């Protein structure tokens, strides 16, 4: 799994837990629906930490809560 996939899976998981759609996440976060869709459908290779923070704000979680999940713990180090 790579970082992009981990971010996507984490957002899918959080939306599933809250029973919210991509459109609802966009509204809650104040981010355009197209930006959120690009993250979900892999058109955006590397969303910025600012974008992730805004999505977290919309979901009412911290960045620590977002990144404290199995998806990120299993990532391999990219610089060797």
PDB file of N, CA and C in Angstrom:
ATOM      1  N   UNK A   1       0.854  -1.175   0.000  1.00  0.00           N
ATOM      2  CA  UNK A   1       0.000   0.000   0.000  1.00  0.00           C
ATOM      3  C   UNK A   1       0.897   1.234   0.000  1.00  0.00           C
ATOM      4  N   UNK A   2       0.499   2.248  -0.771  1.00  0.00           N
ATOM      5  CA  UNK A   2       1.259   3.498  -0.774  1.00  0.00           C
ATOM      6  C   UNK A   2       0.487   4.575  -0.010  1.00  0.00           C
ATOM      7  N   UNK A   3       1.096   5.729   0.146  1.00  0.00           N
ATOM      8  CA  UNK A   3       0.501   6.810   0.927  1.00  0.00           C
ATOM      9  C   UNK A   3      -0.844   7.256   0.352  1.00  0.00           C
ATOM     10  N   UNK A   4      -0.909   7.423  -0.949  1.00  0.00           N
ATOM     11  CA  UNK A   4      -2.148   7.860  -1.597  1.00  0.00           C
ATOM     12  C   UNK A   4      -3.290   6.884  -1.291  1.00  0.00           C
ATOM     13  N   UNK A   5      -3.015   5.615  -1.392  1.00  0.00           N
ATOM     14  CA  UNK A   5      -4.025   4.596  -1.116  1.00  0.00           C
ATOM     15  C   UNK A   5      -4.412   4.602   0.357  1.00  0.00           C
ATOM     16  N   UNK A   6      -3.442   4.780   1.243  1.00  0.00           N
ATOM     17  CA  UNK A   6      -3.721   4.830   2.672  1.00  0.00           C
ATOM     18  C   UNK A   6      -4.640   5.999   3.009  1.00  0.00           C
ATOM     19  N   UNK A   7      -4.388   7.157   2.417  1.00  0.00           N
ATOM     20  CA  UNK A   7      -5.235   8.336   2.644  1.00  0.00           C
ATOM     21  C   UNK A   7      -6.653   8.051   2.147  1.00  0.00           C
ATOM     22  N   UNK A   8      -6.740   7.496   0.972  1.00  0.00           N
ATOM     23  CA  UNK A   8      -8.046   7.174   0.381  1.00  0.00           C
ATOM     24  C   UNK A   8      -8.811   6.191   1.262  1.00  0.00           C
ATOM     25  N   UNK A   9      -8.176   5.101   1.669  1.00  0.00           N
ATOM     26  CA  UNK A   9      -8.831   4.105   2.513  1.00  0.00           C
ATOM     27  C   UNK A   9      -9.267   4.701   3.848  1.00  0.00           C
ATOM     28  N   UNK A  10      -8.407   5.549   4.411  1.00  0.00           N
ATOM     29  CA  UNK A  10      -8.750   6.158   5.708  1.00  0.00           C
ATOM     30  C   UNK A  10      -9.980   7.057   5.568  1.00  0.00           C
ATOM     31  N   UNK A  11     -10.022   7.858   4.515  1.00  0.00           N
ATOM     32  CA  UNK A  11     -11.190   8.719   4.303  1.00  0.00           C
ATOM     33  C   UNK A  11     -12.445   7.885   4.045  1.00  0.00           C
ATOM     34  N   UNK A  12     -12.316   6.828   3.255  1.00  0.00           N
ATOM     35  CA  UNK A  12     -13.460   5.938   3.012  1.00  0.00           C
ATOM     36  C   UNK A  12     -13.968   5.336   4.312  1.00  0.00           C
ATOM     37  N   UNK A  13     -13.043   4.922   5.153  1.00  0.00           N
ATOM     38  CA  UNK A  13     -13.401   4.335   6.438  1.00  0.00           C
ATOM     39  C   UNK A  13     -14.128   5.345   7.324  1.00  0.00           C
ATOM     40  N   UNK A  14     -13.577   6.547   7.408  1.00  0.00           N
ATOM     41  CA  UNK A  14     -14.188   7.579   8.247  1.00  0.00           C
ATOM     42  C   UNK A  14     -15.575   7.967   7.735  1.00  0.00           C
ATOM     43  N   UNK A  15     -15.718   8.082   6.427  1.00  0.00           N
ATOM     44  CA  UNK A  15     -17.032   8.408   5.855  1.00  0.00           C
ATOM     45  C   UNK A  15     -18.016   7.270   6.099  1.00  0.00           C
ATOM     46  N   UNK A  16     -17.547   6.045   5.979  1.00  0.00           N
ATOM     47  CA  UNK A  16     -18.403   4.893   6.242  1.00  0.00           C
ATOM     48  C   UNK A  16     -18.878   4.840   7.681  1.00  0.00           C
ATOM     49  N   UNK A  17     -17.960   5.111   8.625  1.00  0.00           N
ATOM     50  CA  UNK A  17     -18.313   5.123  10.044  1.00  0.00           C
ATOM     51  C   UNK A  17     -19.385   6.163  10.340  1.00  0.00           C
ATOM     52  N   UNK A  18     -19.343   7.265   9.618  1.00  0.00           N
ATOM     53  CA  UNK A  18     -20.269   8.378   9.862  1.00  0.00           C
ATOM     54  C   UNK A  18     -21.455   8.385   8.895  1.00  0.00           C
ATOM     55  N   UNK A  19     -21.485   7.429   7.999  1.00  0.00           N
ATOM     56  CA  UNK A  19     -22.534   7.342   6.970  1.00  0.00           C
ATOM     57  C   UNK A  19     -22.689   8.648   6.193  1.00  0.00           C
ATOM     58  N   UNK A  20     -21.542   9.164   5.730  1.00  0.00           N
ATOM     59  CA  UNK A  20     -21.588  10.388   4.929  1.00  0.00           C
ATOM     60  C   UNK A  20     -20.984  10.126   3.551  1.00  0.00           C
ATOM     61  N   UNK A  21     -21.470  10.878   2.592  1.00  0.00           N
ATOM     62  CA  UNK A  21     -21.024  10.743   1.206  1.00  0.00           C
ATOM     63  C   UNK A  21     -19.852  11.692   0.932  1.00  0.00           C
ATOM     64  N   UNK A  22     -19.289  11.551  -0.251  1.00  0.00           N
ATOM     65  CA  UNK A  22     -18.234  12.469  -0.689  1.00  0.00           C
ATOM     66  C   UNK A  22     -18.754  13.901  -0.684  1.00  0.00           C
ATOM     67  N   UNK A  23     -19.968  14.077  -1.173  1.00  0.00           N
ATOM     68  CA  UNK A  23     -20.560  15.415  -1.213  1.00  0.00           C
ATOM     69  C   UNK A  23     -20.737  15.975   0.197  1.00  0.00           C
ATOM     70  N   UNK A  24     -21.185  15.149   1.125  1.00  0.00           N
ATOM     71  CA  UNK A  24     -21.351  15.612   2.504  1.00  0.00           C
ATOM     72  C   UNK A  24     -20.005  15.957   3.131  1.00  0.00           C
ATOM     73  N   UNK A  25     -18.977  15.166   2.855  1.00  0.00           N
ATOM     74  CA  UNK A  25     -17.644  15.468   3.365  1.00  0.00           C
ATOM     75  C   UNK A  25     -17.161  16.806   2.824  1.00  0.00           C
ATOM     76  N   UNK A  26     -17.400  17.040   1.552  1.00  0.00           N
ATOM     77  CA  UNK A  26     -17.013  18.319   0.951  1.00  0.00           C
ATOM     78  C   UNK A  26     -17.740  19.474   1.637  1.00  0.00           C
ATOM     79  N   UNK A  27     -19.029  19.327   1.861  1.00  0.00           N
ATOM     80  CA  UNK A  27     -19.800  20.386   2.529  1.00  0.00           C
ATOM     81  C   UNK A  27     -19.325  20.619   3.953  1.00  0.00           C
ATOM     82  N   UNK A  28     -19.100  19.543   4.695  1.00  0.00           N
ATOM     83  CA  UNK A  28     -18.633  19.667   6.080  1.00  0.00           C
ATOM     84  C   UNK A  28     -17.273  20.338   6.171  1.00  0.00           C
ATOM     85  N   UNK A  29     -16.444  20.095   5.161  1.00  0.00           N
ATOM     86  CA  UNK A  29     -15.070  20.591   5.176  1.00  0.00           C
ATOM     87  C   UNK A  29     -14.905  21.945   4.497  1.00  0.00           C
ATOM     88  N   UNK A  30     -15.866  22.306   3.671  1.00  0.00           N
ATOM     89  CA  UNK A  30     -15.726  23.539   2.909  1.00  0.00           C
ATOM     90  C   UNK A  30     -14.741  23.413   1.765  1.00  0.00           C
ATOM     91  N   UNK A  31     -14.537  22.193   1.310  1.00  0.00           N
ATOM     92  CA  UNK A  31     -13.650  21.909   0.179  1.00  0.00           C
ATOM     93  C   UNK A  31     -14.534  21.554  -1.006  1.00  0.00           C
ATOM     94  N   UNK A  32     -14.109  21.908  -2.200  1.00  0.00           N
ATOM     95  CA  UNK A  32     -14.933  21.621  -3.364  1.00  0.00           C
ATOM     96  C   UNK A  32     -15.143  20.114  -3.519  1.00  0.00           C
ATOM     97  N   UNK A  33     -16.311  19.772  -4.026  1.00  0.00           N
ATOM     98  CA  UNK A  33     -16.638  18.367  -4.256  1.00  0.00           C
ATOM     99  C   UNK A  33     -15.628  17.728  -5.208  1.00  0.00           C
ATOM    100  N   UNK A  34     -15.181  18.495  -6.205  1.00  0.00           N
ATOM    101  CA  UNK A  34     -14.226  17.947  -7.175  1.00  0.00           C
ATOM    102  C   UNK A  34     -12.891  17.615  -6.516  1.00  0.00           C
ATOM    103  N   UNK A  35     -12.454  18.425  -5.569  1.00  0.00           N
ATOM    104  CA  UNK A  35     -11.198  18.143  -4.863  1.00  0.00           C
ATOM    105  C   UNK A  35     -11.318  16.848  -4.066  1.00  0.00           C
ATOM    106  N   UNK A  36     -12.427  16.706  -3.354  1.00  0.00           N
ATOM    107  CA  UNK A  36     -12.631  15.490  -2.560  1.00  0.00           C
ATOM    108  C   UNK A  36     -12.739  14.274  -3.482  1.00  0.00           C
ATOM    109  N   UNK A  37     -13.471  14.404  -4.588  1.00  0.00           N
ATOM    110  CA  UNK A  37     -13.591  13.290  -5.537  1.00  0.00           C
ATOM    111  C   UNK A  37     -12.230  12.917  -6.119  1.00  0.00           C
ATOM    112  N   UNK A  38     -11.398  13.911  -6.392  1.00  0.00           N
ATOM    113  CA  UNK A  38     -10.065  13.629  -6.937  1.00  0.00           C
ATOM    114  C   UNK A  38      -9.225  12.823  -5.961  1.00  0.00           C
ATOM    115  N   UNK A  39      -9.378  13.086  -4.674  1.00  0.00           N
ATOM    116  CA  UNK A  39      -8.647  12.304  -3.672  1.00  0.00           C
ATOM    117  C   UNK A  39      -9.188  10.876  -3.643  1.00  0.00           C
ATOM    118  N   UNK A  40     -10.502  10.731  -3.648  1.00  0.00           N
ATOM    119  CA  UNK A  40     -11.124   9.408  -3.588  1.00  0.00           C
ATOM    120  C   UNK A  40     -10.843   8.574  -4.825  1.00  0.00           C
ATOM    121  N   UNK A  41     -10.795   9.206  -5.986  1.00  0.00           N
ATOM    122  CA  UNK A  41     -10.645   8.453  -7.231  1.00  0.00           C
ATOM    123  C   UNK A  41      -9.246   8.548  -7.820  1.00  0.00           C
ATOM    124  N   UNK A  42      -8.281   8.901  -6.982  1.00  0.00           N
ATOM    125  CA  UNK A  42      -6.851   8.868  -7.305  1.00  0.00           C
ATOM    126  C   UNK A  42      -6.403   9.845  -8.384  1.00  0.00           C
ATOM    127  N   UNK A  43      -7.186  10.867  -8.668  1.00  0.00           N
ATOM    128  CA  UNK A  43      -6.748  11.884  -9.625  1.00  0.00           C
ATOM    129  C   UNK A  43      -5.724  12.821  -8.980  1.00  0.00           C
ATOM    130  N   UNK A  44      -5.801  12.951  -7.658  1.00  0.00           N
ATOM    131  CA  UNK A  44      -4.824  13.745  -6.912  1.00  0.00           C
ATOM    132  C   UNK A  44      -3.826  12.773  -6.305  1.00  0.00           C
ATOM    133  N   UNK A  45      -2.595  12.822  -6.779  1.00  0.00           N
ATOM    134  CA  UNK A  45      -1.593  11.859  -6.315  1.00  0.00           C
ATOM    135  C   UNK A  45      -1.181  12.096  -4.869  1.00  0.00           C
ATOM    136  N   UNK A  46      -1.026  13.355  -4.493  1.00  0.00           N
ATOM    137  CA  UNK A  46      -0.551  13.665  -3.148  1.00  0.00           C
ATOM    138  C   UNK A  46      -1.293  14.873  -2.586  1.00  0.00           C
ATOM    139  N   UNK A  47      -2.422  14.637  -1.909  1.00  0.00           N
ATOM    140  CA  UNK A  47      -3.116  15.777  -1.312  1.00  0.00           C
ATOM    141  C   UNK A  47      -2.223  16.432  -0.263  1.00  0.00           C
ATOM    142  N   UNK A  48      -2.312  17.740  -0.152  1.00  0.00           N
ATOM    143  CA  UNK A  48      -1.460  18.451   0.802  1.00  0.00           C
ATOM    144  C   UNK A  48      -1.918  18.186   2.226  1.00  0.00           C
ATOM    145  N   UNK A  49      -1.020  18.393   3.154  1.00  0.00           N
ATOM    146  CA  UNK A  49      -1.367  18.224   4.564  1.00  0.00           C
ATOM    147  C   UNK A  49      -2.434  19.238   4.958  1.00  0.00           C
ATOM    148  N   UNK A  50      -2.417  20.402   4.317  1.00  0.00           N
ATOM    149  CA  UNK A  50      -3.456  21.413   4.584  1.00  0.00           C
ATOM    150  C   UNK A  50      -4.826  20.887   4.176  1.00  0.00           C
ATOM    151  N   UNK A  51      -4.924  20.248   3.030  1.00  0.00           N
ATOM    152  CA  UNK A  51      -6.190  19.673   2.583  1.00  0.00           C
ATOM    153  C   UNK A  51      -6.646  18.578   3.535  1.00  0.00           C
ATOM    154  N   UNK A  52      -5.724  17.722   3.942  1.00  0.00           N
ATOM    155  CA  UNK A  52      -6.074  16.661   4.893  1.00  0.00           C
ATOM    156  C   UNK A  52      -6.538  17.269   6.213  1.00  0.00           C
ATOM    157  N   UNK A  53      -5.870  18.322   6.665  1.00  0.00           N
ATOM    158  CA  UNK A  53      -6.264  18.996   7.918  1.00  0.00           C
ATOM    159  C   UNK A  53      -7.666  19.556   7.805  1.00  0.00           C
ATOM    160  N   UNK A  54      -8.004  20.171   6.687  1.00  0.00           N
ATOM    161  CA  UNK A  54      -9.341  20.734   6.490  1.00  0.00           C
ATOM    162  C   UNK A  54     -10.388  19.618   6.472  1.00  0.00           C
ATOM    163  N   UNK A  55     -10.073  18.502   5.838  1.00  0.00           N
ATOM    164  CA  UNK A  55     -10.983  17.357   5.845  1.00  0.00           C
ATOM    165  C   UNK A  55     -11.167  16.837   7.267  1.00  0.00           C
ATOM    166  N   UNK A  56     -10.086  16.779   8.016  1.00  0.00           N
ATOM    167  CA  UNK A  56     -10.168  16.354   9.422  1.00  0.00           C
ATOM    168  C   UNK A  56     -11.039  17.308  10.229  1.00  0.00           C
ATOM    169  N   UNK A  57     -10.888  18.601   9.990  1.00  0.00           N
ATOM    170  CA  UNK A  57     -11.728  19.578  10.679  1.00  0.00           C
ATOM    171  C   UNK A  57     -13.203  19.311  10.381  1.00  0.00           C
ATOM    172  N   UNK A  58     -13.520  19.024   9.128  1.00  0.00           N
ATOM    173  CA  UNK A  58     -14.893  18.712   8.747  1.00  0.00           C
ATOM    174  C   UNK A  58     -15.408  17.446   9.416  1.00  0.00           C
ATOM    175  N   UNK A  59     -14.516  16.497   9.616  1.00  0.00           N
ATOM    176  CA  UNK A  59     -14.873  15.241  10.270  1.00  0.00           C
ATOM    177  C   UNK A  59     -14.796  15.344  11.793  1.00  0.00           C
ATOM    178  N   UNK A  60     -14.339  16.485  12.277  1.00  0.00           N
ATOM    179  CA  UNK A  60     -14.175  16.746  13.714  1.00  0.00           C
ATOM    180  C   UNK A  60     -13.223  15.760  14.373  1.00  0.00           C
ATOM    181  N   UNK A  61     -12.086  15.547  13.691  1.00  0.00           N
ATOM    182  CA  UNK A  61     -11.016  14.735  14.262  1.00  0.00           C
ATOM    183  C   UNK A  61      -9.703  15.495  14.100  1.00  0.00           C
ATOM    184  N   UNK A  62      -8.703  15.076  14.845  1.00  0.00           N
ATOM    185  CA  UNK A  62      -7.385  15.692  14.742  1.00  0.00           C
ATOM    186  C   UNK A  62      -6.560  14.968  13.678  1.00  0.00           C
ATOM    187  N   UNK A  63      -5.481  15.607  13.275  1.00  0.00           N
ATOM    188  CA  UNK A  63      -4.561  14.932  12.355  1.00  0.00           C
ATOM    189  C   UNK A  63      -4.003  13.668  12.991  1.00  0.00           C
ATOM    190  N   UNK A  64      -3.744  13.729  14.286  1.00  0.00           N
ATOM    191  CA  UNK A  64      -3.238  12.551  14.993  1.00  0.00           C
ATOM    192  C   UNK A  64      -4.233  11.397  14.891  1.00  0.00           C
ATOM    193  N   UNK A  65      -5.514  11.691  15.073  1.00  0.00           N
ATOM    194  CA  UNK A  65      -6.535  10.655  14.943  1.00  0.00           C
ATOM    195  C   UNK A  65      -6.599  10.121  13.513  1.00  0.00           C
ATOM    196  N   UNK A  66      -6.438  11.003  12.543  1.00  0.00           N
ATOM    197  CA  UNK A  66      -6.475  10.582  11.144  1.00  0.00           C
ATOM    198  C   UNK A  66      -5.336   9.618  10.831  1.00  0.00           C
ATOM    199  N   UNK A  67      -4.124   9.991  11.244  1.00  0.00           N
ATOM    200  CA  UNK A  67      -2.954   9.190  10.885  1.00  0.00           C
ATOM    201  C   UNK A  67      -2.695   8.021  11.829  1.00  0.00           C
ATOM    202  N   UNK A  68      -3.421   7.938  12.948  1.00  0.00           N
ATOM    203  CA  UNK A  68      -3.266   6.819  13.885  1.00  0.00           C
ATOM    204  C   UNK A  68      -4.209   5.696  13.483  1.00  0.00           C
ATOM    205  N   UNK A  69      -3.880   5.048  12.406  1.00  0.00           N
ATOM    206  CA  UNK A  69      -4.711   3.949  11.923  1.00  0.00           C
ATOM    207  C   UNK A  69      -3.815   2.914  11.252  1.00  0.00           C
ATOM    208  N   UNK A  70      -4.310   1.704  11.129  1.00  0.00           N
ATOM    209  CA  UNK A  70      -3.500   0.633  10.532  1.00  0.00           C
ATOM    210  C   UNK A  70      -3.001   0.945   9.119  1.00  0.00           C
ATOM    211  N   UNK A  71      -3.781   1.729   8.367  1.00  0.00           N
ATOM    212  CA  UNK A  71      -3.371   2.061   6.999  1.00  0.00           C
ATOM    213  C   UNK A  71      -1.998   2.729   6.971  1.00  0.00           C
ATOM    214  N   UNK A  72      -1.733   3.577   7.932  1.00  0.00           N
ATOM    215  CA  UNK A  72      -0.477   4.329   7.948  1.00  0.00           C
ATOM    216  C   UNK A  72       0.637   3.590   8.683  1.00  0.00           C
ATOM    217  N   UNK A  73       0.272   2.749   9.619  1.00  0.00           N
ATOM    218  CA  UNK A  73       1.288   2.004  10.368  1.00  0.00           C
ATOM    219  C   UNK A  73       1.972   0.959   9.500  1.00  0.00           C
ATOM    220  N   UNK A  74       1.303   0.530   8.449  1.00  0.00           N
ATOM    221  CA  UNK A  74       1.871  -0.513   7.592  1.00  0.00           C
ATOM    222  C   UNK A  74       2.665   0.037   6.414  1.00  0.00           C
ATOM    223  N   UNK A  75       2.747   1.375   6.269  1.00  0.00           N
ATOM    224  CA  UNK A  75       3.499   1.951   5.154  1.00  0.00           C
ATOM    225  C   UNK A  75       4.980   1.708   5.320  1.00  0.00           C
ATOM    226  N   UNK A  76       5.619   1.389   4.233  1.00  0.00           N
ATOM    227  CA  UNK A  76       7.075   1.221   4.249  1.00  0.00           C
ATOM    228  C   UNK A  76       7.752   2.576   4.125  1.00  0.00           C
ATOM    229  N   UNK A  77       8.941   2.666   4.654  1.00  0.00           N
ATOM    230  CA  UNK A  77       9.720   3.892   4.534  1.00  0.00           C
ATOM    231  C   UNK A  77      10.048   4.115   3.054  1.00  0.00           C
ATOM    232  N   UNK A  78       9.851   5.360   2.592  1.00  0.00           N
ATOM    233  CA  UNK A  78      10.054   5.645   1.177  1.00  0.00           C
ATOM    234  C   UNK A  78      11.496   6.018   0.847  1.00  0.00           C
ATOM    235  N   UNK A  79      12.226   6.532   1.806  1.00  0.00           N
ATOM    236  CA  UNK A  79      13.626   6.876   1.581  1.00  0.00           C
ATOM    237  C   UNK A  79      14.465   5.835   2.302  1.00  0.00           C
ATOM    238  N   UNK A  80      15.302   5.179   1.546  1.00  0.00           N
ATOM    239  CA  UNK A  80      16.118   4.097   2.147  1.00  0.00           C
ATOM    240  C   UNK A  80      17.571   4.403   1.978  1.00  0.00           C
TER     241      UNK A  80
END
